Amino acid sequence: MDILYLLVPLSVALAFAIGAAFLWSVRSGQFDDLEGPAHRILDDDDRQRETADRDQAH
């Protein structure tokens, strides 16, 4: 029963730490664009490079 005096404050401290980490991630913009990086992987980079090379040649 004495272990509850240790585990209850530890669980409350862990909950505050998780909440603080979540708030930090939201404020730093981690969840601003959830679909953009997934779509950038699927985009064909060859077309963009050819266009950039053609523009630099002119």
PDB file of N, CA and C in Angstrom:
ATOM      1  N   MET A   1       0.818  -1.200   0.000  1.00  0.00           N
ATOM      2  CA  MET A   1       0.000   0.000   0.000  1.00  0.00           C
ATOM      3  C   MET A   1       0.861   1.262   0.000  1.00  0.00           C
ATOM      4  N   ASP A   2       2.060   1.132   0.566  1.00  0.00           N
ATOM      5  CA  ASP A   2       2.946   2.300   0.620  1.00  0.00           C
ATOM      6  C   ASP A   2       3.432   2.704  -0.769  1.00  0.00           C
ATOM      7  N   ILE A   3       3.427   1.763  -1.688  1.00  0.00           N
ATOM      8  CA  ILE A   3       3.915   2.070  -3.029  1.00  0.00           C
ATOM      9  C   ILE A   3       3.015   3.082  -3.741  1.00  0.00           C
ATOM     10  N   LEU A   4       1.755   3.163  -3.327  1.00  0.00           N
ATOM     11  CA  LEU A   4       0.849   4.147  -3.929  1.00  0.00           C
ATOM     12  C   LEU A   4       1.303   5.579  -3.668  1.00  0.00           C
ATOM     13  N   TYR A   5       1.961   5.806  -2.547  1.00  0.00           N
ATOM     14  CA  TYR A   5       2.466   7.156  -2.260  1.00  0.00           C
ATOM     15  C   TYR A   5       3.571   7.548  -3.234  1.00  0.00           C
ATOM     16  N   LEU A   6       4.208   6.576  -3.814  1.00  0.00           N
ATOM     17  CA  LEU A   6       5.225   6.854  -4.821  1.00  0.00           C
ATOM     18  C   LEU A   6       4.628   6.871  -6.236  1.00  0.00           C
ATOM     19  N   LEU A   7       3.740   5.919  -6.524  1.00  0.00           N
ATOM     20  CA  LEU A   7       3.246   5.777  -7.888  1.00  0.00           C
ATOM     21  C   LEU A   7       2.248   6.865  -8.290  1.00  0.00           C
ATOM     22  N   VAL A   8       1.442   7.324  -7.376  1.00  0.00           N
ATOM     23  CA  VAL A   8       0.454   8.361  -7.728  1.00  0.00           C
ATOM     24  C   VAL A   8       1.150   9.664  -8.113  1.00  0.00           C
ATOM     25  N   PRO A   9       2.099  10.189  -7.328  1.00  0.00           N
ATOM     26  CA  PRO A   9       2.794  11.409  -7.796  1.00  0.00           C
ATOM     27  C   PRO A   9       3.601  11.188  -9.069  1.00  0.00           C
ATOM     28  N   LEU A  10       4.186  10.009  -9.237  1.00  0.00           N
ATOM     29  CA  LEU A  10       4.918   9.744 -10.473  1.00  0.00           C
ATOM     30  C   LEU A  10       3.988   9.736 -11.678  1.00  0.00           C
ATOM     31  N   SER A  11       2.814   9.170 -11.538  1.00  0.00           N
ATOM     32  CA  SER A  11       1.886   9.151 -12.666  1.00  0.00           C
ATOM     33  C   SER A  11       1.374  10.554 -12.981  1.00  0.00           C
ATOM     34  N   VAL A  12       1.155  11.356 -11.969  1.00  0.00           N
ATOM     35  CA  VAL A  12       0.711  12.738 -12.200  1.00  0.00           C
ATOM     36  C   VAL A  12       1.833  13.532 -12.877  1.00  0.00           C
ATOM     37  N   ALA A  13       3.066  13.332 -12.439  1.00  0.00           N
ATOM     38  CA  ALA A  13       4.200  14.026 -13.064  1.00  0.00           C
ATOM     39  C   ALA A  13       4.366  13.575 -14.505  1.00  0.00           C
ATOM     40  N   LEU A  14       4.183  12.297 -14.778  1.00  0.00           N
ATOM     41  CA  LEU A  14       4.285  11.788 -16.148  1.00  0.00           C
ATOM     42  C   LEU A  14       3.184  12.374 -17.024  1.00  0.00           C
ATOM     43  N   ALA A  15       1.974  12.501 -16.482  1.00  0.00           N
ATOM     44  CA  ALA A  15       0.872  13.093 -17.248  1.00  0.00           C
ATOM     45  C   ALA A  15       1.175  14.554 -17.594  1.00  0.00           C
ATOM     46  N   PHE A  16       1.731  15.305 -16.647  1.00  0.00           N
ATOM     47  CA  PHE A  16       2.100  16.698 -16.938  1.00  0.00           C
ATOM     48  C   PHE A  16       3.223  16.768 -17.967  1.00  0.00           C
ATOM     49  N   ALA A  17       4.171  15.859 -17.889  1.00  0.00           N
ATOM     50  CA  ALA A  17       5.271  15.853 -18.867  1.00  0.00           C
ATOM     51  C   ALA A  17       4.751  15.551 -20.273  1.00  0.00           C
ATOM     52  N   ILE A  18       3.836  14.614 -20.388  1.00  0.00           N
ATOM     53  CA  ILE A  18       3.260  14.288 -21.706  1.00  0.00           C
ATOM     54  C   ILE A  18       2.441  15.463 -22.227  1.00  0.00           C
ATOM     55  N   GLY A  19       1.677  16.103 -21.355  1.00  0.00           N
ATOM     56  CA  GLY A  19       0.898  17.278 -21.764  1.00  0.00           C
ATOM     57  C   GLY A  19       1.797  18.418 -22.212  1.00  0.00           C
ATOM     58  N   ALA A  20       2.899  18.639 -21.496  1.00  0.00           N
ATOM     59  CA  ALA A  20       3.838  19.702 -21.875  1.00  0.00           C
ATOM     60  C   ALA A  20       4.490  19.395 -23.219  1.00  0.00           C
ATOM     61  N   ALA A  21       4.850  18.143 -23.448  1.00  0.00           N
ATOM     62  CA  ALA A  21       5.447  17.767 -24.733  1.00  0.00           C
ATOM     63  C   ALA A  21       4.449  17.946 -25.867  1.00  0.00           C
ATOM     64  N   PHE A  22       3.194  17.615 -25.627  1.00  0.00           N
ATOM     65  CA  PHE A  22       2.166  17.797 -26.654  1.00  0.00           C
ATOM     66  C   PHE A  22       1.959  19.274 -26.964  1.00  0.00           C
ATOM     67  N   LEU A  23       1.871  20.105 -25.936  1.00  0.00           N
ATOM     68  CA  LEU A  23       1.700  21.546 -26.172  1.00  0.00           C
ATOM     69  C   LEU A  23       2.900  22.134 -26.913  1.00  0.00           C
ATOM     70  N   TRP A  24       4.099  21.689 -26.560  1.00  0.00           N
ATOM     71  CA  TRP A  24       5.294  22.175 -27.263  1.00  0.00           C
ATOM     72  C   TRP A  24       5.252  21.789 -28.738  1.00  0.00           C
ATOM     73  N   SER A  25       4.829  20.565 -29.021  1.00  0.00           N
ATOM     74  CA  SER A  25       4.796  20.129 -30.418  1.00  0.00           C
ATOM     75  C   SER A  25       3.735  20.874 -31.216  1.00  0.00           C
ATOM     76  N   VAL A  26       2.602  21.177 -30.589  1.00  0.00           N
ATOM     77  CA  VAL A  26       1.551  21.931 -31.285  1.00  0.00           C
ATOM     78  C   VAL A  26       2.027  23.349 -31.560  1.00  0.00           C
ATOM     79  N   ARG A  27       2.656  23.985 -30.580  1.00  0.00           N
ATOM     80  CA  ARG A  27       3.117  25.365 -30.763  1.00  0.00           C
ATOM     81  C   ARG A  27       4.286  25.483 -31.732  1.00  0.00           C
ATOM     82  N   SER A  28       5.073  24.426 -31.869  1.00  0.00           N
ATOM     83  CA  SER A  28       6.215  24.505 -32.784  1.00  0.00           C
ATOM     84  C   SER A  28       5.841  24.157 -34.216  1.00  0.00           C
ATOM     85  N   GLY A  29       4.558  23.815 -34.463  1.00  0.00           N
ATOM     86  CA  GLY A  29       4.105  23.597 -35.828  1.00  0.00           C
ATOM     87  C   GLY A  29       4.245  22.179 -36.332  1.00  0.00           C
ATOM     88  N   GLN A  30       4.356  21.231 -35.448  1.00  0.00           N
ATOM     89  CA  GLN A  30       4.514  19.839 -35.866  1.00  0.00           C
ATOM     90  C   GLN A  30       3.268  19.303 -36.574  1.00  0.00           C
ATOM     91  N   PHE A  31       2.099  19.870 -36.285  1.00  0.00           N
ATOM     92  CA  PHE A  31       0.858  19.357 -36.846  1.00  0.00           C
ATOM     93  C   PHE A  31       0.237  20.301 -37.858  1.00  0.00           C
ATOM     94  N   ASP A  32       0.999  21.277 -38.361  1.00  0.00           N
ATOM     95  CA  ASP A  32       0.442  22.246 -39.294  1.00  0.00           C
ATOM     96  C   ASP A  32       0.109  21.625 -40.648  1.00  0.00           C
ATOM     97  N   ASP A  33       1.021  20.872 -41.210  1.00  0.00           N
ATOM     98  CA  ASP A  33       0.818  20.285 -42.534  1.00  0.00           C
ATOM     99  C   ASP A  33       1.021  18.773 -42.419  1.00  0.00           C
ATOM    100  N   LEU A  34      -0.068  18.046 -42.269  1.00  0.00           N
ATOM    101  CA  LEU A  34       0.033  16.607 -42.074  1.00  0.00           C
ATOM    102  C   LEU A  34       0.106  15.848 -43.392  1.00  0.00           C
ATOM    103  N   GLU A  35      -0.415  16.408 -44.484  1.00  0.00           N
ATOM    104  CA  GLU A  35      -0.470  15.685 -45.749  1.00  0.00           C
ATOM    105  C   GLU A  35       0.619  16.107 -46.728  1.00  0.00           C
ATOM    106  N   GLY A  36       1.203  17.252 -46.562  1.00  0.00           N
ATOM    107  CA  GLY A  36       2.197  17.762 -47.496  1.00  0.00           C
ATOM    108  C   GLY A  36       3.411  16.868 -47.665  1.00  0.00           C
ATOM    109  N   PRO A  37       4.072  16.452 -46.592  1.00  0.00           N
ATOM    110  CA  PRO A  37       5.239  15.580 -46.772  1.00  0.00           C
ATOM    111  C   PRO A  37       4.894  14.246 -47.422  1.00  0.00           C
ATOM    112  N   ALA A  38       3.710  13.716 -47.145  1.00  0.00           N
ATOM    113  CA  ALA A  38       3.318  12.442 -47.761  1.00  0.00           C
ATOM    114  C   ALA A  38       3.114  12.605 -49.257  1.00  0.00           C
ATOM    115  N   HIS A  39       2.596  13.745 -49.694  1.00  0.00           N
ATOM    116  CA  HIS A  39       2.376  13.977 -51.119  1.00  0.00           C
ATOM    117  C   HIS A  39       3.675  14.314 -51.841  1.00  0.00           C
ATOM    118  N   ARG A  40       4.616  14.974 -51.145  1.00  0.00           N
ATOM    119  CA  ARG A  40       5.888  15.323 -51.772  1.00  0.00           C
ATOM    120  C   ARG A  40       6.698  14.085 -52.136  1.00  0.00           C
ATOM    121  N   ILE A  41       6.542  13.016 -51.347  1.00  0.00           N
ATOM    122  CA  ILE A  41       7.250  11.770 -51.657  1.00  0.00           C
ATOM    123  C   ILE A  41       6.736  11.192 -52.963  1.00  0.00           C
ATOM    124  N   LEU A  42       5.435  11.317 -53.210  1.00  0.00           N
ATOM    125  CA  LEU A  42       4.838  10.725 -54.388  1.00  0.00           C
ATOM    126  C   LEU A  42       5.004  11.567 -55.641  1.00  0.00           C
ATOM    127  N   ASP A  43       5.344  12.852 -55.478  1.00  0.00           N
ATOM    128  CA  ASP A  43       5.526  13.713 -56.647  1.00  0.00           C
ATOM    129  C   ASP A  43       6.730  13.267 -57.450  1.00  0.00           C
ATOM    130  N   ASP A  44       6.626  13.449 -58.763  1.00  0.00           N
ATOM    131  CA  ASP A  44       7.719  13.082 -59.644  1.00  0.00           C
ATOM    132  C   ASP A  44       8.725  14.222 -59.683  1.00  0.00           C
ATOM    133  N   ASP A  45       9.899  13.986 -59.149  1.00  0.00           N
ATOM    134  CA  ASP A  45      10.914  15.026 -59.086  1.00  0.00           C
ATOM    135  C   ASP A  45      11.606  15.236 -60.424  1.00  0.00           C
ATOM    136  N   ASP A  46      11.555  14.249 -61.328  1.00  0.00           N
ATOM    137  CA  ASP A  46      12.245  14.381 -62.602  1.00  0.00           C
ATOM    138  C   ASP A  46      11.673  15.523 -63.431  1.00  0.00           C
ATOM    139  N   ARG A  47      10.366  15.679 -63.446  1.00  0.00           N
ATOM    140  CA  ARG A  47       9.756  16.762 -64.218  1.00  0.00           C
ATOM    141  C   ARG A  47      10.174  18.119 -63.676  1.00  0.00           C
ATOM    142  N   GLN A  48      10.249  18.245 -62.349  1.00  0.00           N
ATOM    143  CA  GLN A  48      10.640  19.514 -61.755  1.00  0.00           C
ATOM    144  C   GLN A  48      12.097  19.823 -62.068  1.00  0.00           C
ATOM    145  N   ARG A  49      12.968  18.795 -62.063  1.00  0.00           N
ATOM    146  CA  ARG A  49      14.381  19.028 -62.371  1.00  0.00           C
ATOM    147  C   ARG A  49      14.560  19.425 -63.823  1.00  0.00           C
ATOM    148  N   GLU A  50      13.810  18.769 -64.743  1.00  0.00           N
ATOM    149  CA  GLU A  50      13.929  19.116 -66.156  1.00  0.00           C
ATOM    150  C   GLU A  50      13.497  20.556 -66.392  1.00  0.00           C
ATOM    151  N   THR A  51      12.423  20.964 -65.745  1.00  0.00           N
ATOM    152  CA  THR A  51      11.946  22.335 -65.882  1.00  0.00           C
ATOM    153  C   THR A  51      12.965  23.308 -65.313  1.00  0.00           C
ATOM    154  N   ALA A  52      13.555  22.994 -64.181  1.00  0.00           N
ATOM    155  CA  ALA A  52      14.548  23.878 -63.576  1.00  0.00           C
ATOM    156  C   ALA A  52      15.792  23.959 -64.450  1.00  0.00           C
ATOM    157  N   ASP A  53      16.223  22.809 -65.014  1.00  0.00           N
ATOM    158  CA  ASP A  53      17.399  22.827 -65.897  1.00  0.00           C
ATOM    159  C   ASP A  53      17.122  23.630 -67.155  1.00  0.00           C
ATOM    160  N   ARG A  54      15.914  23.497 -67.719  1.00  0.00           N
ATOM    161  CA  ARG A  54      15.540  24.233 -68.930  1.00  0.00           C
ATOM    162  C   ARG A  54      15.506  25.731 -68.642  1.00  0.00           C
ATOM    163  N   ASP A  55      14.999  26.111 -67.468  1.00  0.00           N
ATOM    164  CA  ASP A  55      14.933  27.527 -67.118  1.00  0.00           C
ATOM    165  C   ASP A  55      16.325  28.108 -66.914  1.00  0.00           C
ATOM    166  N   GLN A  56      17.243  27.319 -66.383  1.00  0.00           N
ATOM    167  CA  GLN A  56      18.591  27.819 -66.158  1.00  0.00           C
ATOM    168  C   GLN A  56      19.356  27.953 -67.473  1.00  0.00           C
ATOM    169  N   ALA A  57      19.016  27.113 -68.461  1.00  0.00           N
ATOM    170  CA  ALA A  57      19.709  27.153 -69.742  1.00  0.00           C
ATOM    171  C   ALA A  57      19.379  28.432 -70.507  1.00  0.00           C
ATOM    172  N   HIS A  58      18.177  28.984 -70.271  1.00  0.00           N
ATOM    173  CA  HIS A  58      17.765  30.182 -71.003  1.00  0.00           C
ATOM    174  C   HIS A  58      18.285  31.409 -70.359  1.00  0.00           C
TER     175      HIS A  58
END
